[in-house]
Amino acid sequence: MESKIKLFGQKIKEFRKKRRLTQEQLAEIIDVDYQTISRIETGYYFTSFENLTKLADALNVEIKDFFDFEADENTEKIQKELSECIKKMSAEKLKKLSKFIKEFL
């Protein structure tokens, strides 16, 4: 299991990419050096509460969202389970599943 600081960094990166911001742009918004963002995202560095608040505001999320690691772990578990089921399916069932997924999305 990954360290909580690395998981935190991955969340920052995920939210930053959803907002279509570069590390440099996010750094400018919260008034830090872009290398600070890089260090946070890689889990090399944790940040102050002040910067945590700025990050949440800049990324339009709540601070608690940075620490919701359980949702990611559940998603990975579900993806693995689905992958195992798909491996066992016949070609005909795969076609039906594909059609269903496309309609669902």
N, C-alpha and C. Protein backbone atom coordinates (compact mmCIF):
# COMPACT_ATOMS: atom_id res chain seq x y z
N MET A 1 0.85 -1.20 0.00
CA MET A 1 0.00 0.00 0.00
C MET A 1 0.88 1.24 0.00
N GLU A 2 0.47 2.18 -0.78
CA GLU A 2 1.24 3.40 -0.91
C GLU A 2 1.09 4.27 0.35
N SER A 3 2.10 5.11 0.56
CA SER A 3 2.03 6.01 1.70
C SER A 3 0.92 7.03 1.48
N LYS A 4 0.40 7.53 2.58
CA LYS A 4 -0.69 8.51 2.50
C LYS A 4 -0.23 9.80 1.82
N ILE A 5 1.04 10.16 1.99
CA ILE A 5 1.54 11.38 1.34
C ILE A 5 1.55 11.20 -0.17
N LYS A 6 1.93 10.01 -0.65
CA LYS A 6 1.90 9.76 -2.10
C LYS A 6 0.47 9.77 -2.62
N LEU A 7 -0.45 9.16 -1.86
CA LEU A 7 -1.85 9.16 -2.27
C LEU A 7 -2.40 10.58 -2.32
N PHE A 8 -2.02 11.39 -1.33
CA PHE A 8 -2.41 12.80 -1.31
C PHE A 8 -1.90 13.50 -2.57
N GLY A 9 -0.64 13.28 -2.91
CA GLY A 9 -0.05 13.89 -4.10
C GLY A 9 -0.76 13.47 -5.37
N GLN A 10 -1.14 12.20 -5.44
CA GLN A 10 -1.88 11.72 -6.61
C GLN A 10 -3.22 12.42 -6.73
N LYS A 11 -3.86 12.69 -5.59
CA LYS A 11 -5.15 13.40 -5.61
C LYS A 11 -4.96 14.82 -6.15
N ILE A 12 -3.91 15.49 -5.68
CA ILE A 12 -3.64 16.85 -6.16
C ILE A 12 -3.47 16.81 -7.68
N LYS A 13 -2.68 15.88 -8.17
CA LYS A 13 -2.42 15.76 -9.60
C LYS A 13 -3.71 15.47 -10.36
N GLU A 14 -4.52 14.56 -9.82
CA GLU A 14 -5.80 14.21 -10.46
C GLU A 14 -6.70 15.44 -10.59
N PHE A 15 -6.86 16.18 -9.50
CA PHE A 15 -7.70 17.37 -9.54
C PHE A 15 -7.12 18.45 -10.45
N ARG A 16 -5.80 18.58 -10.45
CA ARG A 16 -5.16 19.58 -11.31
C ARG A 16 -5.42 19.25 -12.78
N LYS A 17 -5.27 17.99 -13.13
CA LYS A 17 -5.49 17.59 -14.52
C LYS A 17 -6.96 17.75 -14.92
N LYS A 18 -7.88 17.48 -14.00
CA LYS A 18 -9.30 17.69 -14.30
C LYS A 18 -9.58 19.16 -14.61
N ARG A 19 -8.86 20.02 -13.96
CA ARG A 19 -9.02 21.46 -14.21
C ARG A 19 -8.20 21.93 -15.41
N ARG A 20 -7.46 21.02 -16.00
CA ARG A 20 -6.61 21.29 -17.17
C ARG A 20 -5.58 22.37 -16.88
N LEU A 21 -4.95 22.22 -15.72
CA LEU A 21 -3.90 23.14 -15.33
C LEU A 21 -2.56 22.43 -15.37
N THR A 22 -1.53 23.16 -15.75
CA THR A 22 -0.17 22.63 -15.64
C THR A 22 0.31 22.86 -14.21
N GLN A 23 1.41 22.23 -13.87
CA GLN A 23 1.98 22.48 -12.54
C GLN A 23 2.36 23.94 -12.41
N GLU A 24 2.87 24.51 -13.47
CA GLU A 24 3.27 25.91 -13.45
C GLU A 24 2.08 26.83 -13.22
N GLN A 25 0.97 26.55 -13.88
CA GLN A 25 -0.22 27.38 -13.72
C GLN A 25 -0.77 27.28 -12.30
N LEU A 26 -0.83 26.07 -11.77
CA LEU A 26 -1.32 25.90 -10.40
C LEU A 26 -0.40 26.60 -9.41
N ALA A 27 0.89 26.46 -9.63
CA ALA A 27 1.86 27.12 -8.75
C ALA A 27 1.67 28.63 -8.75
N GLU A 28 1.43 29.18 -9.92
CA GLU A 28 1.21 30.62 -10.03
C GLU A 28 -0.05 31.05 -9.28
N ILE A 29 -1.11 30.25 -9.41
CA ILE A 29 -2.38 30.58 -8.76
C ILE A 29 -2.23 30.63 -7.24
N ILE A 30 -1.48 29.64 -6.69
CA ILE A 30 -1.38 29.59 -5.22
C ILE A 30 -0.11 30.24 -4.70
N ASP A 31 0.66 30.84 -5.63
CA ASP A 31 1.84 31.62 -5.28
C ASP A 31 2.94 30.78 -4.62
N VAL A 32 3.30 29.69 -5.29
CA VAL A 32 4.45 28.89 -4.89
C VAL A 32 5.27 28.58 -6.14
N ASP A 33 6.46 28.06 -5.94
CA ASP A 33 7.31 27.65 -7.05
C ASP A 33 6.73 26.38 -7.68
N TYR A 34 6.83 26.24 -9.00
CA TYR A 34 6.24 25.07 -9.66
C TYR A 34 6.87 23.77 -9.16
N GLN A 35 8.12 23.83 -8.70
CA GLN A 35 8.77 22.63 -8.17
C GLN A 35 8.09 22.15 -6.89
N THR A 36 7.49 23.07 -6.17
CA THR A 36 6.73 22.71 -4.97
C THR A 36 5.55 21.84 -5.35
N ILE A 37 4.86 22.19 -6.42
CA ILE A 37 3.73 21.38 -6.89
C ILE A 37 4.23 20.00 -7.31
N SER A 38 5.33 19.95 -8.01
CA SER A 38 5.91 18.68 -8.42
C SER A 38 6.25 17.81 -7.22
N ARG A 39 6.84 18.39 -6.21
CA ARG A 39 7.22 17.64 -5.00
C ARG A 39 5.98 17.15 -4.25
N ILE A 40 4.95 17.96 -4.22
CA ILE A 40 3.70 17.55 -3.56
C ILE A 40 3.09 16.37 -4.32
N GLU A 41 3.01 16.49 -5.64
CA GLU A 41 2.37 15.45 -6.45
C GLU A 41 3.13 14.12 -6.41
N THR A 42 4.42 14.16 -6.23
CA THR A 42 5.20 12.92 -6.18
C THR A 42 5.29 12.35 -4.77
N GLY A 43 4.76 13.07 -3.80
CA GLY A 43 4.80 12.59 -2.43
C GLY A 43 6.11 12.87 -1.71
N TYR A 44 6.93 13.69 -2.32
CA TYR A 44 8.21 14.05 -1.72
C TYR A 44 8.05 15.10 -0.62
N TYR A 45 6.98 15.86 -0.71
CA TYR A 45 6.79 17.01 0.19
C TYR A 45 5.31 17.14 0.52
N PHE A 46 5.02 17.44 1.78
CA PHE A 46 3.67 17.79 2.17
C PHE A 46 3.63 19.29 2.35
N THR A 47 2.46 19.87 2.34
CA THR A 47 2.37 21.32 2.33
C THR A 47 1.74 21.86 3.60
N SER A 48 1.78 23.16 3.74
CA SER A 48 1.20 23.82 4.91
C SER A 48 -0.32 23.86 4.79
N PHE A 49 -0.97 24.12 5.90
CA PHE A 49 -2.43 24.25 5.87
C PHE A 49 -2.84 25.43 5.00
N GLU A 50 -2.08 26.49 5.05
CA GLU A 50 -2.39 27.67 4.22
C GLU A 50 -2.39 27.29 2.73
N ASN A 51 -1.36 26.56 2.30
CA ASN A 51 -1.30 26.15 0.90
C ASN A 51 -2.35 25.09 0.58
N LEU A 52 -2.68 24.27 1.56
CA LEU A 52 -3.73 23.28 1.37
C LEU A 52 -5.05 23.98 1.06
N THR A 53 -5.33 25.03 1.78
CA THR A 53 -6.54 25.83 1.56
C THR A 53 -6.50 26.48 0.18
N LYS A 54 -5.35 27.02 -0.20
CA LYS A 54 -5.21 27.64 -1.52
C LYS A 54 -5.39 26.60 -2.63
N LEU A 55 -4.84 25.40 -2.43
CA LEU A 55 -4.99 24.34 -3.42
C LEU A 55 -6.46 23.97 -3.60
N ALA A 56 -7.16 23.82 -2.49
CA ALA A 56 -8.57 23.46 -2.56
C ALA A 56 -9.36 24.53 -3.31
N ASP A 57 -9.09 25.78 -3.00
CA ASP A 57 -9.78 26.88 -3.69
C ASP A 57 -9.45 26.89 -5.19
N ALA A 58 -8.17 26.73 -5.51
CA ALA A 58 -7.73 26.78 -6.90
C ALA A 58 -8.29 25.62 -7.72
N LEU A 59 -8.44 24.46 -7.07
CA LEU A 59 -8.91 23.27 -7.77
C LEU A 59 -10.42 23.06 -7.63
N ASN A 60 -11.05 23.99 -6.91
CA ASN A 60 -12.51 23.97 -6.74
C ASN A 60 -13.00 22.68 -6.09
N VAL A 61 -12.30 22.28 -5.02
CA VAL A 61 -12.68 21.09 -4.25
C VAL A 61 -12.62 21.45 -2.77
N GLU A 62 -13.13 20.57 -1.95
CA GLU A 62 -13.01 20.75 -0.51
C GLU A 62 -11.73 20.07 -0.04
N ILE A 63 -11.15 20.56 1.03
CA ILE A 63 -9.91 19.98 1.55
C ILE A 63 -10.08 18.48 1.80
N LYS A 64 -11.21 18.07 2.30
CA LYS A 64 -11.44 16.66 2.61
C LYS A 64 -11.33 15.78 1.38
N ASP A 65 -11.58 16.33 0.20
CA ASP A 65 -11.51 15.55 -1.04
C ASP A 65 -10.08 15.07 -1.33
N PHE A 66 -9.09 15.81 -0.84
CA PHE A 66 -7.70 15.40 -1.03
C PHE A 66 -7.36 14.13 -0.26
N PHE A 67 -8.19 13.81 0.73
CA PHE A 67 -7.88 12.69 1.62
C PHE A 67 -8.88 11.54 1.50
N ASP A 68 -9.65 11.52 0.45
CA ASP A 68 -10.63 10.45 0.23
C ASP A 68 -9.95 9.33 -0.55
N PHE A 69 -9.10 8.56 0.13
CA PHE A 69 -8.34 7.50 -0.51
C PHE A 69 -9.17 6.22 -0.66
N GLU A 70 -10.16 6.06 0.19
CA GLU A 70 -10.97 4.85 0.15
C GLU A 70 -11.71 4.70 -1.17
N ALA A 71 -12.20 5.77 -1.70
CA ALA A 71 -12.93 5.72 -2.98
C ALA A 71 -12.03 5.19 -4.09
N ASP A 72 -10.77 5.60 -4.10
CA ASP A 72 -9.83 5.14 -5.12
C ASP A 72 -9.54 3.65 -4.96
N GLU A 73 -9.38 3.20 -3.71
CA GLU A 73 -9.11 1.79 -3.46
C GLU A 73 -10.30 0.94 -3.88
N ASN A 74 -11.52 1.41 -3.61
CA ASN A 74 -12.72 0.67 -4.02
C ASN A 74 -12.83 0.61 -5.54
N THR A 75 -12.50 1.70 -6.20
CA THR A 75 -12.56 1.74 -7.65
C THR A 75 -11.57 0.73 -8.25
N GLU A 76 -10.37 0.68 -7.70
CA GLU A 76 -9.37 -0.27 -8.20
C GLU A 76 -9.84 -1.70 -8.00
N LYS A 77 -10.45 -1.97 -6.87
CA LYS A 77 -10.95 -3.31 -6.59
C LYS A 77 -12.04 -3.70 -7.60
N ILE A 78 -12.96 -2.80 -7.86
CA ILE A 78 -14.04 -3.06 -8.81
C ILE A 78 -13.47 -3.27 -10.22
N GLN A 79 -12.49 -2.46 -10.60
CA GLN A 79 -11.88 -2.61 -11.92
C GLN A 79 -11.22 -3.98 -12.06
N LYS A 80 -10.55 -4.44 -11.02
CA LYS A 80 -9.92 -5.76 -11.07
C LYS A 80 -10.96 -6.86 -11.18
N GLU A 81 -12.04 -6.73 -10.42
CA GLU A 81 -13.11 -7.74 -10.47
C GLU A 81 -13.74 -7.79 -11.86
N LEU A 82 -14.00 -6.63 -12.44
CA LEU A 82 -14.58 -6.59 -13.78
C LEU A 82 -13.62 -7.17 -14.82
N SER A 83 -12.36 -6.87 -14.66
CA SER A 83 -11.36 -7.40 -15.58
C SER A 83 -11.34 -8.93 -15.56
N GLU A 84 -11.43 -9.50 -14.38
CA GLU A 84 -11.46 -10.95 -14.25
C GLU A 84 -12.71 -11.54 -14.91
N CYS A 85 -13.84 -10.90 -14.72
CA CYS A 85 -15.09 -11.37 -15.34
C CYS A 85 -15.00 -11.30 -16.86
N ILE A 86 -14.45 -10.20 -17.37
CA ILE A 86 -14.34 -10.01 -18.81
C ILE A 86 -13.45 -11.07 -19.44
N LYS A 87 -12.38 -11.43 -18.75
CA LYS A 87 -11.47 -12.45 -19.27
C LYS A 87 -12.18 -13.78 -19.50
N LYS A 88 -13.21 -14.04 -18.73
CA LYS A 88 -13.92 -15.32 -18.79
C LYS A 88 -15.08 -15.33 -19.78
N MET A 89 -15.40 -14.18 -20.37
CA MET A 89 -16.56 -14.06 -21.24
C MET A 89 -16.29 -14.56 -22.65
N SER A 90 -17.35 -15.07 -23.25
CA SER A 90 -17.27 -15.47 -24.66
C SER A 90 -17.30 -14.21 -25.53
N ALA A 91 -16.95 -14.39 -26.79
CA ALA A 91 -16.94 -13.26 -27.73
C ALA A 91 -18.33 -12.66 -27.86
N GLU A 92 -19.34 -13.50 -27.87
CA GLU A 92 -20.72 -13.03 -28.00
C GLU A 92 -21.12 -12.16 -26.81
N LYS A 93 -20.79 -12.61 -25.62
CA LYS A 93 -21.12 -11.83 -24.42
C LYS A 93 -20.32 -10.53 -24.36
N LEU A 94 -19.09 -10.58 -24.84
CA LEU A 94 -18.28 -9.35 -24.87
C LEU A 94 -18.90 -8.30 -25.79
N LYS A 95 -19.43 -8.74 -26.92
CA LYS A 95 -20.08 -7.81 -27.84
C LYS A 95 -21.30 -7.17 -27.19
N LYS A 96 -22.09 -7.99 -26.48
CA LYS A 96 -23.28 -7.47 -25.81
C LYS A 96 -22.88 -6.49 -24.70
N LEU A 97 -21.85 -6.84 -23.96
CA LEU A 97 -21.37 -5.97 -22.88
C LEU A 97 -20.88 -4.64 -23.46
N SER A 98 -20.14 -4.72 -24.54
CA SER A 98 -19.63 -3.51 -25.19
C SER A 98 -20.78 -2.60 -25.62
N LYS A 99 -21.78 -3.19 -26.21
CA LYS A 99 -22.95 -2.41 -26.65
C LYS A 99 -23.64 -1.76 -25.45
N PHE A 100 -23.81 -2.53 -24.38
CA PHE A 100 -24.44 -2.01 -23.17
C PHE A 100 -23.65 -0.84 -22.59
N ILE A 101 -22.34 -0.99 -22.51
CA ILE A 101 -21.49 0.07 -21.95
C ILE A 101 -21.58 1.34 -22.78
N LYS A 102 -21.55 1.18 -24.11
CA LYS A 102 -21.65 2.35 -24.98
C LYS A 102 -22.97 3.08 -24.80
N GLU A 103 -24.05 2.32 -24.63
CA GLU A 103 -25.36 2.93 -24.40
C GLU A 103 -25.43 3.57 -23.03
N PHE A 104 -24.81 2.93 -22.06
CA PHE A 104 -24.80 3.43 -20.69
C PHE A 104 -24.08 4.76 -20.59
N LEU A 105 -22.96 4.87 -21.30
CA LEU A 105 -22.14 6.09 -21.25
C LEU A 105 -22.75 7.16 -22.11
